[in-house]
Structures are given as C-alpha cells and as structure tokens.
Protein backbone atom coordinates (compact mmCIF):
# COMPACT_ATOMS: atom_id res chain seq x y z
CA MET A 1 -11.26 -96.82 -80.81
CA THR A 2 -8.66 -95.08 -80.98
CA ASP A 3 -9.21 -92.15 -79.35
CA ALA A 4 -10.26 -94.49 -76.07
CA TYR A 5 -6.67 -95.88 -76.68
CA VAL A 6 -5.14 -92.27 -76.91
CA SER A 7 -6.91 -91.44 -74.07
CA ARG A 8 -5.66 -93.79 -71.52
CA GLU A 9 -1.90 -93.25 -72.00
CA THR A 10 -1.67 -89.78 -71.47
CA PRO A 11 -3.76 -90.52 -68.03
CA THR A 12 -2.56 -86.31 -66.61
CA ARG A 13 -3.81 -84.44 -69.91
CA ASP A 14 -7.42 -86.17 -69.50
CA GLU A 15 -7.15 -85.29 -66.06
CA ASP A 16 -6.17 -82.08 -65.96
CA ASP A 17 -8.47 -81.30 -68.64
CA PRO A 18 -11.82 -82.13 -68.87
CA PRO A 19 -13.59 -81.23 -71.56
CA LEU A 20 -15.23 -77.95 -71.78
CA ALA A 21 -19.29 -79.43 -71.50
CA MET A 22 -18.23 -81.57 -68.29
CA GLU A 23 -16.81 -78.93 -66.70
CA ALA A 24 -18.93 -76.55 -66.95
CA LEU A 25 -21.82 -78.48 -66.16
CA ARG A 26 -19.19 -79.77 -63.12
CA ALA A 27 -19.19 -76.15 -62.14
CA VAL A 28 -22.53 -75.05 -61.84
CA GLN A 29 -23.43 -78.19 -59.40
CA ILE A 30 -20.39 -76.95 -57.36
CA LEU A 31 -21.39 -73.81 -57.01
CA ASN A 32 -25.44 -74.26 -57.00
CA PRO A 33 -27.00 -71.30 -57.91
CA SER A 34 -30.24 -71.88 -57.79
CA GLY A 35 -29.71 -73.85 -54.10
CA ASP A 36 -31.29 -76.92 -55.77
CA ILE A 37 -28.52 -78.93 -54.93
CA THR A 38 -28.39 -79.98 -50.85
CA MET A 39 -26.49 -82.53 -48.82
CA PRO A 40 -28.25 -83.89 -45.94
CA ARG A 41 -27.90 -81.40 -42.65
CA PRO A 42 -26.96 -83.11 -39.18
CA ASP A 43 -29.42 -84.10 -37.04
CA HIS A 44 -27.29 -81.51 -34.57
CA THR A 45 -24.09 -79.64 -34.76
CA ARG A 46 -21.29 -82.30 -35.87
CA ILE A 47 -17.94 -80.30 -34.47
CA MET A 48 -14.94 -81.73 -36.51
CA CYS A 49 -10.90 -80.60 -35.61
CA VAL A 50 -9.01 -80.46 -38.65
CA ALA A 51 -5.65 -81.76 -36.56
CA ASN A 52 -2.25 -83.26 -38.23
CA GLN A 53 0.83 -81.88 -36.49
CA LYS A 54 2.72 -82.92 -40.06
CA GLY A 55 2.61 -79.38 -41.03
CA GLY A 56 2.06 -78.82 -45.23
CA VAL A 57 -0.75 -81.63 -45.43
CA GLY A 58 -3.15 -80.08 -46.58
CA LYS A 59 -5.02 -79.19 -42.85
CA THR A 60 -6.33 -75.69 -44.13
CA THR A 61 -6.83 -76.66 -47.74
CA THR A 62 -9.73 -79.29 -46.55
CA THR A 63 -10.93 -77.28 -44.09
CA VAL A 64 -12.37 -74.52 -46.20
CA ASN A 65 -12.82 -75.86 -49.41
CA LEU A 66 -15.63 -79.10 -47.30
CA ALA A 67 -17.20 -75.84 -44.99
CA VAL A 68 -17.49 -74.09 -49.17
CA ALA A 69 -18.87 -76.82 -50.06
CA LEU A 70 -21.45 -78.29 -47.29
CA ALA A 71 -23.12 -74.36 -47.21
CA LEU A 72 -23.26 -73.56 -51.01
CA HIS A 73 -25.19 -77.12 -50.39
CA GLY A 74 -27.97 -75.70 -48.02
CA ASN A 75 -25.40 -76.55 -44.30
CA ARG A 76 -25.34 -73.58 -41.86
CA VAL A 77 -20.90 -73.69 -41.23
CA LEU A 78 -18.53 -71.45 -38.89
CA VAL A 79 -15.10 -72.49 -38.88
CA VAL A 80 -12.98 -71.47 -35.85
CA ASP A 81 -9.29 -70.97 -37.43
CA LEU A 82 -7.39 -72.13 -34.02
CA ASP A 83 -3.51 -71.33 -36.18
CA PRO A 84 -1.30 -68.13 -35.48
CA GLN A 85 -0.71 -67.99 -39.45
CA GLY A 86 -4.81 -67.33 -40.26
CA ASN A 87 -4.42 -69.48 -43.86
CA ALA A 88 -8.23 -70.21 -42.94
CA SER A 89 -8.76 -66.73 -42.60
CA THR A 90 -7.43 -65.57 -45.63
CA GLY A 91 -8.45 -68.74 -47.74
CA LEU A 92 -12.12 -67.28 -46.46
CA ASN A 93 -10.94 -63.68 -47.28
CA VAL A 94 -12.25 -62.18 -44.35
CA PRO A 95 -10.02 -60.08 -42.20
CA HIS A 96 -7.54 -60.94 -39.95
CA HIS A 97 -4.93 -58.02 -39.53
CA ALA A 98 -3.86 -56.66 -36.22
CA GLY A 99 -6.96 -55.29 -34.14
CA ILE A 100 -9.58 -57.42 -35.75
CA PRO A 101 -11.70 -59.01 -32.83
CA ASP A 102 -9.97 -62.82 -33.15
CA VAL A 103 -10.25 -65.77 -31.80
CA TYR A 104 -7.28 -65.08 -29.32
CA ASP A 105 -10.15 -62.79 -27.36
CA CYS A 106 -12.32 -65.88 -26.90
CA LEU A 107 -9.99 -67.68 -25.45
CA ILE A 108 -8.11 -65.98 -23.85
CA ASP A 109 -10.81 -62.16 -22.59
CA ASN A 110 -14.27 -64.40 -22.31
CA VAL A 111 -15.40 -62.50 -25.32
CA PRO A 112 -18.28 -64.17 -27.05
CA LEU A 113 -17.67 -66.09 -29.88
CA SER A 114 -20.87 -64.28 -31.59
CA ASP A 115 -18.84 -61.05 -31.15
CA VAL A 116 -15.82 -62.23 -32.83
CA ALA A 117 -17.69 -64.22 -35.52
CA GLN A 118 -18.00 -62.77 -39.53
CA ALA A 119 -20.27 -63.89 -42.10
CA VAL A 120 -18.16 -65.42 -45.47
CA GLU A 121 -18.81 -62.46 -48.40
CA GLY A 122 -20.37 -64.21 -51.41
CA ILE A 123 -21.00 -67.96 -49.39
CA PRO A 124 -24.60 -68.25 -47.72
CA ASN A 125 -24.75 -70.08 -44.14
CA LEU A 126 -21.08 -70.25 -43.66
CA TRP A 127 -19.04 -67.70 -40.90
CA CYS A 128 -15.50 -67.86 -39.82
CA VAL A 129 -13.66 -66.53 -36.89
CA PRO A 130 -10.84 -65.41 -37.26
CA ALA A 131 -7.32 -65.66 -36.38
CA THR A 132 -4.83 -63.16 -35.91
CA ILE A 133 -1.25 -62.58 -34.81
CA ASP A 134 -2.02 -62.31 -31.25
CA LEU A 135 -3.22 -66.54 -31.39
CA ALA A 136 0.85 -66.52 -31.38
CA GLY A 137 1.07 -66.11 -27.76
CA ALA A 138 -1.80 -67.76 -26.69
CA GLU A 139 -0.18 -70.91 -26.05
CA ILE A 140 1.79 -69.32 -22.87
CA GLU A 141 -1.35 -66.93 -22.19
CA LEU A 142 -3.85 -69.89 -21.40
CA VAL A 143 -1.10 -71.91 -19.46
CA SER A 144 -2.11 -69.58 -16.25
CA VAL A 145 -5.64 -69.32 -17.21
CA VAL A 146 -7.96 -71.53 -14.89
CA ALA A 147 -10.32 -75.03 -17.05
CA ARG A 148 -7.10 -73.73 -20.39
CA GLU A 149 -8.34 -76.64 -21.86
CA SER A 150 -11.96 -76.25 -23.09
CA ARG A 151 -12.28 -72.31 -23.85
CA LEU A 152 -12.94 -73.30 -26.49
CA SER A 153 -15.11 -75.63 -26.24
CA ARG A 154 -18.01 -73.31 -23.71
CA ALA A 155 -17.13 -70.74 -26.98
CA ILE A 156 -18.38 -73.01 -29.31
CA ALA A 157 -21.34 -73.80 -27.01
CA ALA A 158 -22.28 -70.13 -25.69
CA HIS A 159 -23.09 -69.58 -29.67
CA PRO A 160 -26.20 -68.28 -29.50
CA ALA A 161 -27.39 -69.47 -33.44
CA THR A 162 -27.08 -73.14 -34.78
CA PHE A 163 -24.77 -74.44 -36.58
CA ASP A 164 -24.81 -78.18 -38.54
CA TYR A 165 -20.96 -78.12 -39.12
CA VAL A 166 -17.69 -76.72 -36.73
CA PHE A 167 -14.68 -77.21 -38.69
CA ILE A 168 -11.57 -75.81 -35.97
CA ASP A 169 -8.61 -75.56 -38.51
CA CYS A 170 -5.24 -76.86 -35.89
CA PRO A 171 -1.80 -75.86 -35.94
CA PRO A 172 0.47 -78.13 -36.87
CA SER A 173 1.97 -78.65 -33.32
CA LEU A 174 -0.23 -81.37 -30.48
CA GLY A 175 0.34 -77.36 -27.98
CA LEU A 176 -2.72 -75.89 -26.62
CA LEU A 177 -4.40 -74.06 -29.01
CA THR A 178 -5.16 -78.40 -30.32
CA VAL A 179 -5.76 -79.43 -26.97
CA ASN A 180 -8.43 -77.05 -27.11
CA ALA A 181 -9.74 -78.10 -30.67
CA LEU A 182 -10.02 -81.88 -29.09
CA VAL A 183 -11.71 -80.73 -26.28
CA ALA A 184 -14.16 -78.59 -28.11
CA ALA A 185 -14.65 -81.38 -31.53
CA GLN A 186 -16.80 -84.42 -31.77
CA GLU A 187 -14.93 -85.86 -34.53
CA VAL A 188 -11.24 -85.24 -35.52
CA LEU A 189 -10.55 -85.40 -39.37
CA ILE A 190 -6.97 -85.89 -40.09
CA PRO A 191 -5.82 -84.80 -44.02
CA ILE A 192 -2.78 -87.25 -44.71
CA GLN A 193 -0.51 -86.29 -47.65
CA CYS A 194 0.46 -89.81 -50.04
CA GLU A 195 3.97 -89.29 -49.85
CA TYR A 196 6.97 -91.07 -48.38
CA TYR A 197 6.45 -89.85 -44.53
CA ALA A 198 3.14 -89.59 -43.92
CA LEU A 199 2.21 -92.28 -41.53
CA GLU A 200 4.80 -90.76 -39.29
CA GLY A 201 4.43 -89.21 -36.11
CA LEU A 202 1.00 -90.29 -36.97
CA ASN A 203 1.02 -92.62 -33.66
CA GLN A 204 1.89 -89.63 -31.58
CA LEU A 205 -0.62 -87.68 -32.42
CA ILE A 206 -3.88 -91.16 -32.11
CA ASN A 207 -1.82 -90.87 -28.45
CA ASN A 208 -2.49 -87.20 -27.97
CA ILE A 209 -6.63 -88.14 -29.23
CA ASN A 210 -6.98 -90.48 -26.44
CA LEU A 211 -5.29 -89.38 -23.58
CA VAL A 212 -7.80 -86.17 -24.22
CA ARG A 213 -10.46 -88.80 -24.72
CA GLN A 214 -9.23 -90.71 -21.49
CA HIS A 215 -8.87 -87.39 -19.12
CA LEU A 216 -10.62 -84.67 -20.87
CA ASN A 217 -13.40 -85.96 -23.75
CA PRO A 218 -15.34 -88.75 -23.63
CA THR A 219 -16.75 -88.88 -27.01
CA LEU A 220 -13.50 -87.85 -28.80
CA ASP A 221 -13.87 -89.86 -32.07
CA VAL A 222 -11.47 -89.73 -34.98
CA SER A 223 -14.04 -89.47 -37.99
CA THR A 224 -12.63 -89.06 -40.65
CA ILE A 225 -9.49 -89.31 -42.54
CA LEU A 226 -9.18 -87.44 -45.94
CA LEU A 227 -6.38 -88.77 -48.64
CA THR A 228 -4.56 -85.04 -49.57
CA MET A 229 -1.94 -84.53 -53.18
CA TYR A 230 -2.56 -87.90 -54.41
CA ASP A 231 -0.28 -88.01 -56.79
CA ARG A 232 -1.70 -90.49 -59.64
CA ARG A 233 1.24 -90.34 -62.03
CA THR A 234 3.56 -92.35 -58.96
CA ARG A 235 3.68 -95.52 -57.36
CA LEU A 236 3.97 -93.89 -54.20
CA ALA A 237 0.68 -91.81 -53.97
CA ASP A 238 -0.94 -96.32 -54.32
CA ALA A 239 1.39 -97.61 -52.14
CA VAL A 240 0.62 -94.85 -49.38
CA GLU A 241 -3.41 -95.17 -50.20
CA GLN A 242 -3.82 -98.98 -49.91
CA ASP A 243 -1.10 -98.88 -46.47
CA VAL A 244 -4.31 -95.85 -44.84
CA ARG A 245 -7.23 -98.00 -45.98
CA ASN A 246 -6.22 -100.84 -44.66
CA HIS A 247 -5.27 -99.31 -40.90
CA PHE A 248 -7.97 -96.64 -41.10
CA GLY A 249 -10.21 -99.66 -43.03
CA ASP A 250 -13.78 -97.38 -43.38
CA LYS A 251 -12.63 -93.97 -42.07
CA VAL A 252 -11.15 -93.00 -44.72
CA LEU A 253 -13.29 -91.25 -47.68
CA ARG A 254 -13.74 -92.63 -50.54
CA ALA A 255 -13.09 -89.73 -52.04
CA VAL A 256 -9.12 -87.92 -53.07
CA ILE A 257 -7.76 -84.68 -53.34
CA PRO A 258 -5.61 -84.46 -56.08
CA ARG A 259 -2.84 -82.75 -56.69
CA ASN A 260 -4.28 -79.67 -57.86
CA VAL A 261 -3.15 -76.01 -59.88
CA ARG A 262 -6.30 -75.07 -58.23
CA VAL A 263 -6.30 -75.84 -55.41
CA SER A 264 -3.12 -74.31 -54.78
CA GLU A 265 -3.30 -71.10 -56.60
CA ALA A 266 -6.91 -70.31 -54.97
CA PRO A 267 -6.03 -68.56 -51.43
CA SER A 268 -3.24 -66.47 -52.55
CA TYR A 269 -6.73 -64.84 -54.62
CA GLY A 270 -9.60 -65.38 -51.23
CA GLN A 271 -11.40 -68.22 -52.35
CA SER A 272 -11.42 -71.72 -51.94
CA VAL A 273 -11.41 -73.50 -55.09
CA MET A 274 -15.02 -74.44 -55.43
CA THR A 275 -15.48 -70.80 -55.71
CA TYR A 276 -11.73 -70.25 -58.06
CA ASP A 277 -12.24 -72.73 -60.35
CA PRO A 278 -15.85 -75.24 -59.79
CA GLY A 279 -14.76 -76.90 -62.78
CA SER A 280 -11.47 -78.19 -61.63
CA ARG A 281 -10.20 -82.14 -60.99
CA GLY A 282 -9.86 -79.90 -57.37
CA ALA A 283 -13.38 -78.86 -56.63
CA THR A 284 -15.56 -81.68 -57.82
CA SER A 285 -12.24 -84.12 -55.66
CA TYR A 286 -13.56 -81.89 -52.65
CA PHE A 287 -16.76 -81.61 -53.09
CA GLU A 288 -17.63 -85.69 -53.46
CA ALA A 289 -15.51 -85.61 -50.56
CA ALA A 290 -18.15 -83.05 -48.13
CA GLN A 291 -20.86 -85.15 -50.26
CA GLU A 292 -19.75 -88.40 -48.40
CA ILE A 293 -18.67 -86.54 -45.70
CA ALA A 294 -22.45 -85.05 -44.65
CA GLU A 295 -24.04 -88.32 -45.76
CA ARG A 296 -21.68 -90.58 -43.71
CA GLY A 297 -23.29 -88.36 -40.99
CA VAL A 298 -27.48 -88.09 -41.75
CA LYS A 299 -26.89 -92.70 -41.94
CA GLY A 300 -24.82 -93.30 -38.39
CA GLY A 301 -25.13 -90.06 -36.65
CA LYS A 302 -21.40 -89.29 -37.16
CA ALA A 303 -18.74 -89.78 -40.20
C-alpha cells in the first residue's frame, strides 16, 4: 500500500522514469523490428497539412514523429518539408544544404517530386522532399507564377508512386507556401501547445482555411487537433486541454504529447524520438497519436 501511495505522490518521477521492463517492451513495440505490428492503411492517400502560424508549437516534431511511427508500422509515407528552415529534413537526417534538389525546384521549375524525394535512411517506407534555404525566396517568386496556389498539389498528384500518407510541414506563417499546402491537402492537422495564448491566432488560421475551402479546395477539412507540450504538473495545461476539447470536440486526439526532454533532444541527432529513445514517454505518445490517426482514417475515411 505504501508503494502505491508514494508513486501517486511523485508523478513526475514515475512519468519520466518508467520501469526498465516496460520501457524495453514499448521500445520493441515502437521500433517494430519484426514488422508484426501494423497500423491500418487507408484506402486512399491521405494528404495532411500540419499547420499553425504560431511558431514553436511542435509542427515539425509532430510531422516527423507521426511520419516515422506510421512508416515503421507498414504505411508508405512521404514528408514534404515546406519550411525554409528545413527542420523536418534535419529531423529525418536528409541532406538539405544549398545545391541539393529540393521542394523549391518542384514549385518554381516544375521538377518532378519523384526526382527530389529522398529515401530516409534506416526507416523503410519513408521518403522526404527536403527544403533548402532557396525556399525562403519562393514566397516572393511564386507571386508571378501561373496557378501559383496549386503548384504543390499538381506536383504531388504527378508523383508516380502511391503513398498512404503525405505530410506537409508548413512554415509558421500564412503566406503562399502555406496556401500551397492547404490547396494540396485534404486534411489539416493543427498542433496546439498546452500553454497560455494557445488559442490566440487560431481564429485567423481557421478563417484562412475557410477561405481556401471556399475558393480553392472545397474538400479541405480540419480533421485533427493534437495537444502538444503538455505539462501535467500545471493547472494551466489542464485548463487549455479542456478549452480545446470543448471547442473542437472529436477532432482532438485522445493522445496528448507531454513535455519530454527526449523529444527536444532527438532532432540534434538527426533522428525522430521514435528511433532516438523509443521507450520514452514522448515516443509512446506519438506512437499512440499515429495509431489513432490511422484508425480514424479507416473508420470514417477521414481522421
């Protein structure tokens, strides 16, 4: 009885240091070396745009980790890095220095996406279209291009391979790159951090999504909301979670991503948290989120 009492009193230790056996079990489940554990595959390609114009909410971390989780469990996944900072490319350890063919070449020069996509080392079924610093100028260059809003959509449609998922990692702004992502996608996934001001600016994003739906992409749907950077020690995180769940209802995934050191460390090693520390809370949470997205996609045709 004493043990149970102590563990309740010290949730942070219990949260960060799960028993080794549990951790090892989770690591095997997440890395799936045998390939036995599979997540359901959708009957059509799901193109998901990961967007939020607020910076630092976990857009790239979410894109990278969901993509890796789905790919490790039997889905064919393409990540399109549409952020000039190229953080998704870094997180997947895909070369993206100047001179590497990248998504800029597809948008501006009509280079086929298949010529630019790179296989992600060590993760079967996962490819990435990198972003280099050239992309920073694309926002301006696209202004004078014909059908500027649908360049990415055409490039994805012309790719000869069939993917189960295409994740588009957007820049933290609402310019032409993000509009291209919204026109190319069927679904929008919005990561929301469990902190003060979390919902600020979200109305603007929703308004822009509605405008794109009215004028350019009638099938676009905000299908998925993911709560990130959840610190269970604070009342604020709990309040934000309740707010978001009341506001968006079933669109909010049950899985919540905690604040986790391993999640923050992984990109500096050119890895997702899935491969960097597969037994960690961060990896488990993203695995659960990916599973939920996959299951929703099979049940309803959409997440």
